[in-house]
Amino acid sequence: MDELPNRERAPRNRTITLSGEERERYSGKLLTLTHSVAPGELRNRTINGDLLAILDFLPRGFVDLLFIDPPYNITKEFGAATFKRTTEEGYGNWFSSWFPRLLAVLKPTASVYICCDWRSAGVVQSIAEKHLIIQNRITWEREKGRGAKSNWKNCSEDIWFCTVSKEYHFDADGVKLKRRVIAPYRDASGNPKNWEQTGNGGFRLTCPSNLWTDLTVPFWSMPENTDHPTQKPEKLLAKAVLASSRAGDFVLDPFLGSGTTSVVAKKLGRVYCGIEIDPEYCCLAEKRLARAEFDRTIQGYADGVFWERNTLAYQNGNGPSDLFSENQMTFCVRERKNGYAK
């Protein structure tokens, strides 16, 4: 594999890159498919190949969780390849050329997550609902995004949550969000009302919703960051993996990119397989998987719960112990009773 030139980076930049030696080493770990294979041959492997070319080689009925993050209907460069924006009909035709065939890999109890943006959400929904049961639409906030003077800033994406049947696994308790208590109300006995007082402050565990605002898109100072242009946060994948699979279940990503789905599945004790057409991204995935052997941390997930953004100090036990003083609390209660609090 030819060595690609590395761009100059700031000293504190933690973006994962590859040396020439690493490209050679990790490329030797990649799997290529030229014939039909059994599920056991795909366990914990990265397949370098075109999904459309190898679909018929994949076994049937072996996947518990399918996470699909295809190119959106926008013009975007992915390494050496470019996906070009087309018409809504054209994108639907492309999506339909592989999506129904891919579903043959699913178990009857499997779950499917399909990523899209606002332009393609309707097309994806219309195709997915012909083959699956759509359970919900998740909207997640990207705090990144270019501003706009004649439109609303585009800073969200959608994920369709689907299942093969009405019998499926979903662990709501495994994906609760830990939030700081802003209004720490107490009952008549002075005990916390629906929240917990700790030495590190007051916190409330909230049930997972379909609006995810606690995610951070990978950037240069994050150890999971790569040069892939549409890399999803590990925290996002952790939500899907923990909610819709059990330890030891098989997770498949047919558009693996730089490996986030496989890395998270490995960190959380699942079996994984990813398919990616670009060999550079495949090697990045393998490097990240090698790191996951000794580093199982997922930013924003600790102690079995997800934490809202900007709470690292609290996760480490170094946050302020009280968010509100007694005088502030008394004022808030009085204002609420008077109808002034908004």
Protein backbone atom coordinates (compact mmCIF):
# COMPACT_ATOMS: atom_id res chain seq x y z
CA MET A 1 0.00 0.00 0.00
CA ASP A 2 1.43 3.37 -0.99
CA GLU A 3 2.31 5.70 1.89
CA LEU A 4 0.18 8.83 1.95
CA PRO A 5 1.68 12.19 2.93
CA ASN A 6 0.83 13.26 6.48
CA ARG A 7 -0.35 16.83 6.91
CA GLU A 8 1.38 19.06 9.42
CA ARG A 9 -0.49 19.13 12.72
CA ALA A 10 -0.32 21.12 15.93
CA PRO A 11 1.65 19.51 18.79
CA ARG A 12 -1.49 18.84 20.85
CA ASN A 13 -3.45 17.41 17.93
CA ARG A 14 -4.54 13.86 18.87
CA THR A 15 -5.96 12.84 15.48
CA ILE A 16 -5.20 9.19 14.71
CA THR A 17 -2.95 8.78 11.67
CA LEU A 18 -1.02 5.96 10.03
CA SER A 19 2.67 5.55 9.37
CA GLY A 20 3.85 3.60 6.34
CA GLU A 21 4.76 0.65 8.55
CA GLU A 22 1.30 0.69 10.17
CA ARG A 23 -0.42 0.71 6.79
CA GLU A 24 1.47 -2.39 5.77
CA ARG A 25 0.83 -4.12 9.10
CA TYR A 26 -2.87 -3.36 9.37
CA SER A 27 -3.60 -4.00 5.70
CA GLY A 28 -2.47 -7.56 6.33
CA LYS A 29 -5.29 -7.99 8.84
CA LEU A 30 -8.04 -7.01 6.41
CA LEU A 31 -10.44 -9.57 4.98
CA THR A 32 -11.51 -9.65 1.33
CA LEU A 33 -14.50 -11.69 0.22
CA THR A 34 -14.55 -13.59 -3.06
CA HIS A 35 -16.99 -16.33 -2.09
CA SER A 36 -19.71 -17.11 0.43
CA VAL A 37 -18.57 -17.35 4.05
CA ALA A 38 -19.93 -18.62 7.36
CA PRO A 39 -20.69 -16.22 10.25
CA GLY A 40 -17.68 -17.50 12.20
CA GLU A 41 -15.33 -16.26 9.48
CA LEU A 42 -16.61 -12.70 9.98
CA ARG A 43 -16.23 -12.53 13.76
CA ASN A 44 -14.26 -9.44 14.77
CA ARG A 45 -13.07 -8.72 11.23
CA THR A 46 -12.79 -5.70 8.97
CA ILE A 47 -13.76 -6.39 5.37
CA ASN A 48 -12.14 -4.25 2.70
CA GLY A 49 -14.55 -4.25 -0.21
CA ASP A 50 -17.51 -2.71 -1.99
CA LEU A 51 -20.74 -3.59 -0.18
CA LEU A 52 -22.66 -4.02 -3.43
CA ALA A 53 -20.04 -6.43 -4.76
CA ILE A 54 -19.92 -8.68 -1.69
CA LEU A 55 -23.55 -8.64 -0.50
CA ASP A 56 -24.29 -12.08 -1.89
CA PHE A 57 -21.28 -13.55 -0.05
CA LEU A 58 -22.62 -12.62 3.39
CA PRO A 59 -24.33 -15.35 5.45
CA ARG A 60 -27.99 -15.10 6.35
CA GLY A 61 -29.61 -14.58 9.73
CA PHE A 62 -26.54 -13.95 11.92
CA VAL A 63 -26.73 -10.24 12.89
CA ASP A 64 -28.33 -8.92 16.09
CA LEU A 65 -27.68 -5.23 15.48
CA LEU A 66 -27.19 -3.54 12.12
CA PHE A 67 -25.89 0.04 12.18
CA ILE A 68 -26.04 1.75 8.78
CA ASP A 69 -24.33 5.09 8.17
CA PRO A 70 -24.38 5.43 4.38
CA PRO A 71 -23.25 8.45 2.38
CA TYR A 72 -25.94 11.13 2.60
CA ASN A 73 -27.34 12.72 -0.54
CA ILE A 74 -24.67 15.41 -0.64
CA THR A 75 -21.44 15.70 -2.58
CA LYS A 76 -18.68 14.55 -0.24
CA GLU A 77 -15.17 13.17 -0.64
CA PHE A 78 -14.39 9.98 1.25
CA GLY A 79 -10.68 9.41 0.82
CA ALA A 80 -10.06 8.58 -2.82
CA ALA A 81 -13.78 8.30 -3.64
CA THR A 82 -16.46 10.97 -4.02
CA PHE A 83 -20.18 10.50 -3.48
CA LYS A 84 -22.09 12.97 -5.63
CA ARG A 85 -25.45 14.47 -4.80
CA THR A 86 -28.27 13.32 -7.01
CA THR A 87 -32.02 13.72 -7.21
CA GLU A 88 -34.28 12.39 -4.48
CA GLU A 89 -35.37 9.64 -6.85
CA GLY A 90 -31.78 8.84 -7.75
CA TYR A 91 -30.76 8.56 -4.10
CA GLY A 92 -33.75 6.33 -3.43
CA ASN A 93 -32.78 4.06 -6.32
CA TRP A 94 -29.22 3.80 -5.03
CA PHE A 95 -30.42 3.07 -1.50
CA SER A 96 -32.84 0.43 -2.76
CA SER A 97 -30.10 -1.28 -4.78
CA TRP A 98 -28.52 -2.69 -1.62
CA PHE A 99 -30.78 -2.11 1.40
CA PRO A 100 -33.38 -4.92 0.93
CA ARG A 101 -30.65 -7.43 0.07
CA LEU A 102 -28.62 -6.46 3.12
CA LEU A 103 -31.51 -7.24 5.47
CA ALA A 104 -31.08 -10.96 4.78
CA VAL A 105 -28.22 -10.96 7.32
CA LEU A 106 -30.59 -10.12 10.19
CA LYS A 107 -31.98 -12.40 12.86
CA PRO A 108 -35.78 -12.23 13.40
CA THR A 109 -35.18 -10.29 16.64
CA ALA A 110 -32.62 -7.87 15.20
CA SER A 111 -32.62 -4.08 15.41
CA VAL A 112 -31.50 -1.63 12.71
CA TYR A 113 -30.31 1.97 13.00
CA ILE A 114 -30.13 4.04 9.80
CA CYS A 115 -28.38 7.43 9.75
CA CYS A 116 -29.50 10.25 7.48
CA ASP A 117 -29.85 14.02 7.26
CA TRP A 118 -32.95 16.12 6.69
CA ARG A 119 -32.63 15.89 2.90
CA SER A 120 -32.69 12.10 2.80
CA ALA A 121 -34.78 11.31 5.90
CA GLY A 122 -38.02 11.04 3.94
CA VAL A 123 -36.54 8.81 1.26
CA VAL A 124 -34.94 6.52 3.83
CA GLN A 125 -38.18 6.29 5.80
CA SER A 126 -40.26 5.40 2.74
CA ILE A 127 -37.90 2.56 1.84
CA ALA A 128 -37.24 1.28 5.36
CA GLU A 129 -40.92 1.02 6.28
CA LYS A 130 -41.50 -1.37 3.37
CA HIS A 131 -39.16 -3.92 4.94
CA LEU A 132 -38.93 -3.15 8.67
CA ILE A 133 -40.99 -1.87 11.57
CA ILE A 134 -40.00 1.73 12.28
CA GLN A 135 -40.01 2.18 16.04
CA ASN A 136 -38.79 5.77 16.32
CA ARG A 137 -36.78 8.59 14.81
CA ILE A 138 -33.82 9.85 16.80
CA THR A 139 -32.56 13.38 16.24
CA TRP A 140 -29.10 14.19 17.49
CA GLU A 141 -27.43 17.57 17.75
CA ARG A 142 -24.13 18.30 16.05
CA GLU A 143 -22.70 21.32 17.82
CA LYS A 144 -20.50 21.82 14.77
CA GLY A 145 -21.88 23.31 11.57
CA ARG A 146 -21.50 26.33 9.36
CA GLY A 147 -23.65 29.35 10.00
CA ALA A 148 -26.14 30.57 7.42
CA LYS A 149 -27.50 34.04 6.67
CA SER A 150 -30.55 33.01 4.68
CA ASN A 151 -31.50 29.77 6.45
CA TRP A 152 -31.37 28.01 9.80
CA LYS A 153 -27.97 26.59 10.71
CA ASN A 154 -27.91 22.87 9.96
CA CYS A 155 -26.72 21.23 13.19
CA SER A 156 -28.76 18.04 13.53
CA GLU A 157 -29.02 14.61 11.96
CA ASP A 158 -31.57 11.81 12.15
CA ILE A 159 -31.37 8.10 12.88
CA TRP A 160 -34.27 5.77 12.10
CA PHE A 161 -34.61 3.06 14.74
CA CYS A 162 -36.19 -0.05 13.20
CA THR A 163 -36.74 -3.70 14.07
CA VAL A 164 -37.36 -6.83 12.05
CA SER A 165 -40.33 -7.83 14.20
CA LYS A 166 -42.22 -6.85 17.33
CA GLU A 167 -39.93 -9.10 19.34
CA TYR A 168 -36.66 -7.27 19.94
CA HIS A 169 -34.24 -6.33 22.71
CA PHE A 170 -34.17 -2.83 24.17
CA ASP A 171 -32.40 -1.98 27.44
CA ALA A 172 -33.63 1.46 28.54
CA ASP A 173 -31.84 1.18 31.88
CA GLY A 174 -28.54 0.69 30.08
CA VAL A 175 -28.65 4.05 28.32
CA LYS A 176 -29.83 6.49 30.98
CA LEU A 177 -28.39 10.00 31.01
CA LYS A 178 -26.91 11.50 34.17
CA ARG A 179 -27.66 15.21 34.43
CA ARG A 180 -26.69 17.85 36.92
CA VAL A 181 -29.64 19.02 38.97
CA ILE A 182 -30.44 22.64 38.17
CA ALA A 183 -33.42 22.95 40.51
CA PRO A 184 -32.74 20.58 43.44
CA TYR A 185 -36.20 20.38 44.96
CA ARG A 186 -36.72 18.48 48.20
CA ASP A 187 -39.77 16.91 49.77
CA ALA A 188 -41.32 17.97 53.07
CA SER A 189 -38.74 15.90 54.96
CA GLY A 190 -35.85 17.60 53.19
CA ASN A 191 -34.92 14.61 51.08
CA PRO A 192 -33.97 15.04 47.40
CA LYS A 193 -37.03 14.79 45.16
CA ASN A 194 -36.27 12.50 42.19
CA TRP A 195 -32.54 13.18 42.32
CA GLU A 196 -29.46 12.06 44.25
CA GLN A 197 -27.21 14.13 46.47
CA THR A 198 -23.56 13.08 46.25
CA GLY A 199 -20.33 14.52 47.52
CA ASN A 200 -19.77 15.73 43.98
CA GLY A 201 -23.10 17.53 43.60
CA GLY A 202 -26.71 16.71 42.82
CA PHE A 203 -27.57 14.47 39.87
CA ARG A 204 -30.64 12.96 38.24
CA LEU A 205 -30.79 9.86 36.06
CA THR A 206 -33.17 10.48 33.16
CA CYS A 207 -34.76 7.95 30.81
CA PRO A 208 -33.40 7.95 27.26
CA SER A 209 -35.34 10.01 24.74
CA ASN A 210 -35.20 10.32 20.96
CA LEU A 211 -33.52 13.74 21.23
CA TRP A 212 -29.78 13.40 21.84
CA THR A 213 -28.10 16.67 22.83
CA ASP A 214 -25.20 15.25 24.84
CA LEU A 215 -22.91 14.31 21.93
CA THR A 216 -19.66 15.86 20.76
CA VAL A 217 -18.56 15.40 17.16
CA PRO A 218 -14.94 14.16 17.16
CA PHE A 219 -12.38 16.92 16.69
CA TRP A 220 -8.60 17.32 16.82
CA SER A 221 -8.11 17.14 20.60
CA MET A 222 -10.20 13.97 21.06
CA PRO A 223 -8.28 10.66 21.07
CA GLU A 224 -10.92 8.99 18.87
CA ASN A 225 -10.63 11.56 16.08
CA THR A 226 -9.57 10.60 12.54
CA ASP A 227 -9.54 12.39 9.20
CA HIS A 228 -12.77 10.68 8.09
CA PRO A 229 -15.12 13.53 7.08
CA THR A 230 -18.32 12.15 8.65
CA GLN A 231 -17.02 10.25 11.67
CA LYS A 232 -19.70 9.56 14.31
CA PRO A 233 -18.92 9.91 18.03
CA GLU A 234 -18.17 6.72 19.94
CA LYS A 235 -20.73 7.90 22.48
CA LEU A 236 -23.46 7.86 19.81
CA LEU A 237 -22.65 4.28 18.84
CA ALA A 238 -22.50 3.25 22.49
CA LYS A 239 -26.12 4.33 22.94
CA ALA A 240 -27.27 2.12 20.06
CA VAL A 241 -25.08 -0.84 21.05
CA LEU A 242 -26.06 -0.79 24.73
CA ALA A 243 -29.77 -0.27 24.03
CA SER A 244 -30.21 -2.80 21.24
CA SER A 245 -27.75 -5.63 21.85
CA ARG A 246 -26.53 -7.89 24.63
CA ALA A 247 -22.98 -8.86 25.49
CA GLY A 248 -21.76 -11.34 22.88
CA ASP A 249 -24.28 -10.25 20.23
CA PHE A 250 -23.16 -9.70 16.64
CA VAL A 251 -22.97 -6.09 15.41
CA LEU A 252 -22.50 -5.29 11.70
CA ASP A 253 -21.71 -1.97 10.03
CA PRO A 254 -21.74 -2.10 6.20
CA PHE A 255 -20.29 1.45 5.85
CA LEU A 256 -17.65 1.24 8.56
CA GLY A 257 -15.63 4.34 7.72
CA SER A 258 -12.79 4.69 10.21
CA GLY A 259 -14.17 1.98 12.47
CA THR A 260 -16.28 3.60 15.18
CA THR A 261 -19.00 0.92 15.27
CA SER A 262 -16.51 -1.95 15.51
CA VAL A 263 -14.42 -0.14 18.12
CA VAL A 264 -17.41 0.57 20.35
CA ALA A 265 -18.75 -2.97 19.92
CA LYS A 266 -15.37 -4.33 20.99
CA LYS A 267 -15.16 -2.01 24.00
CA LEU A 268 -18.63 -3.12 25.12
CA GLY A 269 -18.08 -6.86 24.69
CA ARG A 270 -19.93 -7.47 21.43
CA VAL A 271 -18.84 -9.40 18.36
CA TYR A 272 -18.34 -7.09 15.40
CA CYS A 273 -17.78 -6.93 11.67
CA GLY A 274 -17.39 -3.88 9.45
CA ILE A 275 -17.33 -3.41 5.69
CA GLU A 276 -15.43 -0.49 4.16
CA ILE A 277 -14.39 0.17 0.58
CA ASP A 278 -11.45 2.49 1.34
CA PRO A 279 -8.30 0.65 2.49
CA GLU A 280 -6.96 3.70 4.36
CA TYR A 281 -10.06 3.88 6.52
CA CYS A 282 -9.92 0.11 7.03
CA CYS A 283 -6.39 0.43 8.39
CA LEU A 284 -7.44 3.29 10.67
CA ALA A 285 -10.21 1.05 11.97
CA GLU A 286 -7.70 -1.71 12.69
CA LYS A 287 -5.39 0.71 14.51
CA ARG A 288 -8.29 1.90 16.67
CA LEU A 289 -9.29 -1.70 17.36
CA ALA A 290 -5.73 -2.46 18.46
CA ARG A 291 -5.86 0.48 20.86
CA ALA A 292 -9.17 -0.80 22.24
CA GLU A 293 -7.32 -3.86 23.52
CA PHE A 294 -5.93 -1.77 26.37
CA ASP A 295 -8.22 1.28 26.40
CA ARG A 296 -11.94 0.59 26.76
CA THR A 297 -12.97 4.14 27.68
CA ILE A 298 -15.76 5.91 25.79
CA GLN A 299 -15.85 9.67 26.20
CA GLY A 300 -19.06 10.68 27.95
CA TYR A 301 -19.84 7.18 29.25
CA ALA A 302 -18.65 6.19 32.72
CA ASP A 303 -19.88 4.17 35.69
CA GLY A 304 -22.56 2.53 33.54
CA VAL A 305 -24.32 5.78 32.58
CA PHE A 306 -24.05 8.49 29.95
CA TRP A 307 -23.14 11.98 31.14
CA GLU A 308 -24.23 15.26 29.64
CA ARG A 309 -21.60 17.37 27.91
CA ASN A 310 -18.99 19.36 29.85
CA THR A 311 -19.15 17.17 32.97
CA LEU A 312 -15.70 15.56 32.88
CA ALA A 313 -14.77 17.20 36.19
CA TYR A 314 -17.86 15.67 37.81
CA GLN A 315 -17.07 12.25 36.32
CA ASN A 316 -13.61 12.49 37.89
CA GLY A 317 -15.03 13.64 41.23
CA ASN A 318 -13.64 17.16 40.93
CA GLY A 319 -16.82 19.16 40.24
CA PRO A 320 -18.25 21.70 42.70
CA SER A 321 -20.31 19.97 45.38
CA ASP A 322 -23.22 22.40 45.29
CA LEU A 323 -24.72 23.99 42.21
CA PHE A 324 -27.12 26.14 44.23
CA SER A 325 -26.63 27.80 47.59
CA GLU A 326 -29.44 27.69 50.14
CA ASN A 327 -30.22 31.36 49.47
CA GLN A 328 -30.40 30.71 45.72
CA MET A 329 -32.69 27.75 46.30
CA THR A 330 -34.96 29.75 48.60
CA PHE A 331 -35.17 32.50 45.99
CA CYS A 332 -36.04 30.01 43.22
CA VAL A 333 -38.78 28.41 45.29
CA ARG A 334 -40.24 31.81 46.20
CA GLU A 335 -40.16 32.99 42.59
CA ARG A 336 -41.79 29.78 41.40
CA LYS A 337 -44.59 30.15 43.94
CA ASN A 338 -45.10 33.76 42.84
CA GLY A 339 -45.31 32.68 39.22
CA TYR A 340 -42.23 34.63 38.13
CA ALA A 341 -39.91 31.77 37.30
CA LYS A 342 -39.89 30.94 33.60
